[in-house]
Every structure is written in structure tokens, then in C-alpha cells.
C-alpha atoms as a PDB file:
ATOM      1  CA  MET A   1      34.498  -1.402 137.441  1.00  0.00           C
ATOM      2  CA  GLU A   2      30.843  -0.162 137.399  1.00  0.00           C
ATOM      3  CA  PRO A   3      31.555   2.828 135.220  1.00  0.00           C
ATOM      4  CA  GLN A   4      33.393   0.766 132.573  1.00  0.00           C
ATOM      5  CA  ARG A   5      30.710  -1.923 132.737  1.00  0.00           C
ATOM      6  CA  SER A   6      28.034   0.732 132.155  1.00  0.00           C
ATOM      7  CA  ILE A   7      29.963   2.135 129.067  1.00  0.00           C
ATOM      8  CA  LEU A   8      30.422  -1.413 127.709  1.00  0.00           C
ATOM      9  CA  GLN A   9      26.625  -2.117 128.034  1.00  0.00           C
ATOM     10  CA  HIS A  10      25.888   1.158 126.344  1.00  0.00           C
ATOM     11  CA  ASN A  11      28.190   0.280 123.399  1.00  0.00           C
ATOM     12  CA  ARG A  12      26.449  -3.084 123.090  1.00  0.00           C
ATOM     13  CA  LYS A  13      23.035  -1.480 123.010  1.00  0.00           C
ATOM     14  CA  ILE A  14      24.179   0.801 120.181  1.00  0.00           C
ATOM     15  CA  PHE A  15      25.599  -2.255 118.335  1.00  0.00           C
ATOM     16  CA  TYR A  16      22.322  -4.174 118.858  1.00  0.00           C
ATOM     17  CA  LYS A  17      20.300  -1.253 117.452  1.00  0.00           C
ATOM     18  CA  ILE A  18      22.548  -1.126 114.389  1.00  0.00           C
ATOM     19  CA  LEU A  19      22.131  -4.887 113.864  1.00  0.00           C
ATOM     20  CA  ASN A  20      18.380  -4.454 113.969  1.00  0.00           C
ATOM     21  CA  ASN A  21      18.219  -1.455 111.660  1.00  0.00           C
ATOM     22  CA  TYR A  22      20.027  -2.814 108.653  1.00  0.00           C
ATOM     23  CA  THR A  23      19.419  -5.871 106.428  1.00  0.00           C
ATOM     24  CA  LEU A  24      21.821  -8.728 106.391  1.00  0.00           C
ATOM     25  CA  ASP A  25      23.026  -7.621 102.940  1.00  0.00           C
ATOM     26  CA  GLN A  26      23.781  -4.163 104.301  1.00  0.00           C
ATOM     27  CA  LEU A  27      25.557  -5.562 107.371  1.00  0.00           C
ATOM     28  CA  ASN A  28      27.702  -7.758 105.157  1.00  0.00           C
ATOM     29  CA  ASN A  29      28.421  -5.071 102.579  1.00  0.00           C
ATOM     30  CA  ILE A  30      32.072  -3.904 102.351  1.00  0.00           C
ATOM     31  CA  PRO A  31      31.959  -0.519 100.660  1.00  0.00           C
ATOM     32  CA  GLU A  32      34.745   0.559  98.425  1.00  0.00           C
ATOM     33  CA  GLY A  33      37.584   1.960 100.463  1.00  0.00           C
ATOM     34  CA  PHE A  34      36.832  -0.173 103.560  1.00  0.00           C
ATOM     35  CA  ASN A  35      38.401  -3.500 104.525  1.00  0.00           C
ATOM     36  CA  ASN A  36      35.443  -4.992 106.371  1.00  0.00           C
ATOM     37  CA  SER A  37      31.711  -4.828 107.037  1.00  0.00           C
ATOM     38  CA  ILE A  38      29.440  -3.617 109.790  1.00  0.00           C
ATOM     39  CA  PHE A  39      28.876  -7.179 110.820  1.00  0.00           C
ATOM     40  CA  TRP A  40      32.630  -7.949 110.917  1.00  0.00           C
ATOM     41  CA  ASN A  41      33.303  -4.859 113.139  1.00  0.00           C
ATOM     42  CA  LEU A  42      30.685  -5.791 115.714  1.00  0.00           C
ATOM     43  CA  ALA A  43      31.622  -9.456 115.843  1.00  0.00           C
ATOM     44  CA  HIS A  44      35.230  -8.430 116.041  1.00  0.00           C
ATOM     45  CA  CYS A  45      34.493  -6.294 119.137  1.00  0.00           C
ATOM     46  CA  ILE A  46      33.016  -9.317 121.042  1.00  0.00           C
ATOM     47  CA  VAL A  47      35.999 -11.499 120.113  1.00  0.00           C
ATOM     48  CA  VAL A  48      38.544  -8.861 121.233  1.00  0.00           C
ATOM     49  CA  GLN A  49      36.689  -8.347 124.541  1.00  0.00           C
ATOM     50  CA  GLN A  50      36.759 -12.052 125.196  1.00  0.00           C
ATOM     51  CA  ARG A  51      40.455 -12.531 124.181  1.00  0.00           C
ATOM     52  CA  LEU A  52      41.718  -9.530 126.126  1.00  0.00           C
ATOM     53  CA  MET A  53      39.716 -10.069 129.229  1.00  0.00           C
ATOM     54  CA  TYR A  54      39.586 -13.834 129.375  1.00  0.00           C
ATOM     55  CA  SER A  55      42.342 -15.414 127.411  1.00  0.00           C
ATOM     56  CA  LEU A  56      44.993 -13.172 128.716  1.00  0.00           C
ATOM     57  CA  SER A  57      43.865 -13.753 132.253  1.00  0.00           C
ATOM     58  CA  GLY A  58      44.125 -17.512 131.771  1.00  0.00           C
ATOM     59  CA  ASN A  59      40.370 -18.012 131.632  1.00  0.00           C
ATOM     60  CA  ASN A  60      38.233 -19.721 129.039  1.00  0.00           C
ATOM     61  CA  ILE A  61      36.299 -17.506 126.739  1.00  0.00           C
ATOM     62  CA  HIS A  62      32.532 -17.636 126.475  1.00  0.00           C
ATOM     63  CA  ILE A  63      32.210 -17.722 122.703  1.00  0.00           C
ATOM     64  CA  ASP A  64      32.613 -20.500 120.143  1.00  0.00           C
ATOM     65  CA  GLN A  65      36.074 -20.775 118.617  1.00  0.00           C
ATOM     66  CA  LYS A  66      34.486 -20.117 115.136  1.00  0.00           C
ATOM     67  CA  TRP A  67      34.109 -16.410 116.104  1.00  0.00           C
ATOM     68  CA  VAL A  68      37.754 -16.198 117.040  1.00  0.00           C
ATOM     69  CA  ILE A  69      38.838 -17.778 113.791  1.00  0.00           C
ATOM     70  CA  ASN A  70      36.704 -15.459 111.623  1.00  0.00           C
ATOM     71  CA  TYR A  71      36.742 -12.202 113.590  1.00  0.00           C
ATOM     72  CA  ASP A  72      39.986 -11.968 115.600  1.00  0.00           C
ATOM     73  CA  LYS A  73      42.631  -9.301 115.108  1.00  0.00           C
ATOM     74  CA  GLY A  74      44.129  -9.579 111.612  1.00  0.00           C
ATOM     75  CA  THR A  75      41.093 -11.314 110.051  1.00  0.00           C
ATOM     76  CA  PHE A  76      38.923 -10.059 107.226  1.00  0.00           C
ATOM     77  CA  PRO A  77      35.426 -11.158 106.129  1.00  0.00           C
ATOM     78  CA  LYS A  78      35.807 -14.421 104.361  1.00  0.00           C
ATOM     79  CA  ILE A  79      32.148 -15.358 103.833  1.00  0.00           C
ATOM     80  CA  PRO A  80      29.062 -13.293 104.379  1.00  0.00           C
ATOM     81  CA  ALA A  81      27.281 -13.739 107.705  1.00  0.00           C
ATOM     82  CA  ILE A  82      23.978 -15.669 107.494  1.00  0.00           C
ATOM     83  CA  ASP A  83      20.742 -15.202 109.526  1.00  0.00           C
ATOM     84  CA  LYS A  84      21.926 -17.728 112.111  1.00  0.00           C
ATOM     85  CA  ASP A  85      25.174 -15.751 112.640  1.00  0.00           C
ATOM     86  CA  LEU A  86      23.132 -12.494 113.052  1.00  0.00           C
ATOM     87  CA  GLU A  87      20.887 -13.948 115.702  1.00  0.00           C
ATOM     88  CA  GLU A  88      23.864 -15.447 117.461  1.00  0.00           C
ATOM     89  CA  ILE A  89      25.895 -12.269 117.590  1.00  0.00           C
ATOM     90  CA  LYS A  90      22.796 -10.377 118.878  1.00  0.00           C
ATOM     91  CA  THR A  91      22.681 -12.824 121.757  1.00  0.00           C
ATOM     92  CA  LEU A  92      26.444 -12.670 122.384  1.00  0.00           C
ATOM     93  CA  LEU A  93      26.330  -8.939 122.679  1.00  0.00           C
ATOM     94  CA  PHE A  94      24.498  -9.370 126.026  1.00  0.00           C
ATOM     95  CA  SER A  95      25.268 -13.018 127.208  1.00  0.00           C
ATOM     96  CA  THR A  96      28.984 -12.068 127.318  1.00  0.00           C
ATOM     97  CA  LEU A  97      28.116  -9.190 129.537  1.00  0.00           C
ATOM     98  CA  ASP A  98      26.173 -11.515 131.879  1.00  0.00           C
ATOM     99  CA  PHE A  99      29.181 -13.873 132.029  1.00  0.00           C
ATOM    100  CA  LEU A 100      31.475 -10.902 132.737  1.00  0.00           C
ATOM    101  CA  ASP A 101      29.279  -9.741 135.641  1.00  0.00           C
ATOM    102  CA  GLU A 102      29.271 -13.216 137.124  1.00  0.00           C
ATOM    103  CA  ASP A 103      32.999 -13.726 136.589  1.00  0.00           C
ATOM    104  CA  ILE A 104      33.880 -10.419 138.185  1.00  0.00           C
ATOM    105  CA  LYS A 105      31.576 -11.324 141.137  1.00  0.00           C
ATOM    106  CA  ASN A 106      33.420 -14.656 141.400  1.00  0.00           C
ATOM    107  CA  SER A 107      36.852 -12.992 141.233  1.00  0.00           C
ATOM    108  CA  ILE A 108      38.167 -15.145 138.390  1.00  0.00           C
ATOM    109  CA  PHE A 109      40.385 -12.433 137.078  1.00  0.00           C
ATOM    110  CA  LYS A 110      43.353 -13.018 139.366  1.00  0.00           C
ATOM    111  CA  LYS A 111      46.297 -13.068 136.981  1.00  0.00           C
ATOM    112  CA  TYR A 112      47.041 -11.406 133.736  1.00  0.00           C
ATOM    113  CA  TYR A 113      49.551 -12.048 130.976  1.00  0.00           C
ATOM    114  CA  SER A 114      50.943  -8.723 129.708  1.00  0.00           C
ATOM    115  CA  PHE A 115      50.152  -7.836 126.072  1.00  0.00           C
ATOM    116  CA  THR A 116      51.201  -4.953 123.896  1.00  0.00           C
ATOM    117  CA  THR A 117      48.693  -3.822 121.278  1.00  0.00           C
ATOM    118  CA  SER A 118      49.425  -2.872 117.645  1.00  0.00           C
ATOM    119  CA  THR A 119      49.428   0.808 118.823  1.00  0.00           C
ATOM    120  CA  ASN A 120      52.059  -0.089 121.503  1.00  0.00           C
ATOM    121  CA  GLN A 121      49.673   0.166 124.377  1.00  0.00           C
ATOM    122  CA  VAL A 122      50.708  -2.161 127.149  1.00  0.00           C
ATOM    123  CA  ILE A 123      47.867  -4.057 128.736  1.00  0.00           C
ATOM    124  CA  ASP A 124      49.053  -5.670 131.968  1.00  0.00           C
ATOM    125  CA  SER A 125      45.881  -6.171 134.068  1.00  0.00           C
ATOM    126  CA  PHE A 126      42.330  -7.075 133.773  1.00  0.00           C
ATOM    127  CA  GLU A 127      41.472  -3.510 134.605  1.00  0.00           C
ATOM    128  CA  SER A 128      43.604  -2.096 131.821  1.00  0.00           C
ATOM    129  CA  ALA A 129      42.131  -4.688 129.446  1.00  0.00           C
ATOM    130  CA  PHE A 130      38.614  -3.526 130.392  1.00  0.00           C
ATOM    131  CA  THR A 131      39.545   0.091 129.681  1.00  0.00           C
ATOM    132  CA  PHE A 132      41.260  -0.827 126.443  1.00  0.00           C
ATOM    133  CA  VAL A 133      38.127  -2.752 125.331  1.00  0.00           C
ATOM    134  CA  LEU A 134      36.078   0.407 125.655  1.00  0.00           C
ATOM    135  CA  PHE A 135      38.632   2.320 123.527  1.00  0.00           C
ATOM    136  CA  HIS A 136      38.702  -0.463 121.026  1.00  0.00           C
ATOM    137  CA  ASP A 137      34.824  -0.560 120.827  1.00  0.00           C
ATOM    138  CA  GLY A 138      34.894   3.231 120.168  1.00  0.00           C
ATOM    139  CA  ILE A 139      37.319   2.805 117.298  1.00  0.00           C
ATOM    140  CA  HIS A 140      35.114   0.192 115.656  1.00  0.00           C
ATOM    141  CA  LEU A 141      31.875   2.092 116.378  1.00  0.00           C
ATOM    142  CA  GLY A 142      33.409   4.879 114.455  1.00  0.00           C
ATOM    143  CA  SER A 143      34.092   2.544 111.518  1.00  0.00           C
ATOM    144  CA  VAL A 144      30.568   1.193 111.650  1.00  0.00           C
ATOM    145  CA  LEU A 145      29.181   4.724 111.612  1.00  0.00           C
ATOM    146  CA  ALA A 146      31.276   5.515 108.591  1.00  0.00           C
ATOM    147  CA  ILE A 147      30.389   2.307 106.662  1.00  0.00           C
ATOM    148  CA  ARG A 148      26.649   2.639 107.265  1.00  0.00           C
ATOM    149  CA  LYS A 149      26.743   5.883 105.137  1.00  0.00           C
ATOM    150  CA  PHE A 150      27.707   3.738 102.118  1.00  0.00           C
ATOM    151  CA  VAL A 151      25.471   0.709 102.540  1.00  0.00           C
END
């Protein structure tokens, strides 16, 4: 799992840099032709990682339910993020990795409830969920890189 963990951390460092290099107004901006913002994409990646790795393995997630309600699959930005949200998401980028490391070490990912994604990819294990999270992050990183050209 170390190669996947390394890629996930690399993605999170890129996300963190983006959060630090744009104003909150820019992070919340939804340019014409897009459905969501830079902030939404990054928060969404954290939610999906938690839901796919933890919820589908029967474990509790390590984020507040408010993040799931506002940034889960099928959601769109309802209200702009505020400074408090920005600081919290910056922390969650890395605290969720710390929890993941500890939880892998403690072998809490013993079972998994199969899930089929909207692209018909079957995820049937923690390992396949981990790999899919990297793919998913890449999709949303691409969206963020496109959005930032217009903010």
C-alpha cells in the first residue's frame, strides 16, 4: 500500500498548495461552463476518500457529517466556503492521512461492501477502493487545473 499512500500524499500536497495560492473568492468561484468550484472539488476528494475507504468497509469516517452532506457525490456548491471551512479542509487533507496510516497499521479494513461507481467500476475491496481514490483525485485535480485558469 506504500506506493498508493505516497501518491495520495503527493495529491494532497498539490491540493494544499492550491488552497494557499488562491483567495477564498477564487476558491469559491464557479466559472461559466463549470458545475463547481476549486474548493468544492478538493473537499469532495476528501469526502469520497472517507466514504469509499471507511464507510464501505464498515468503519466510521474521520470527518464531520457536514462535509458529507455538502461535498458528497451528486452535490453542488450550495453556499460559499468561509475562512473557517478553508482552514478545516487544509487540516483534513493531512489529518485524514494520519488516521489512514494508523488504521492500516491496526488492520481495521477487514471487510468491504462492494460498490459500483457511476463509471461502472466495481470496487470490492479496500485495496481497490484505495486505487480508485487515486484515480478519482486525478479527475478532480484536472478539473481544478482547468477551473483555476478562469478564476
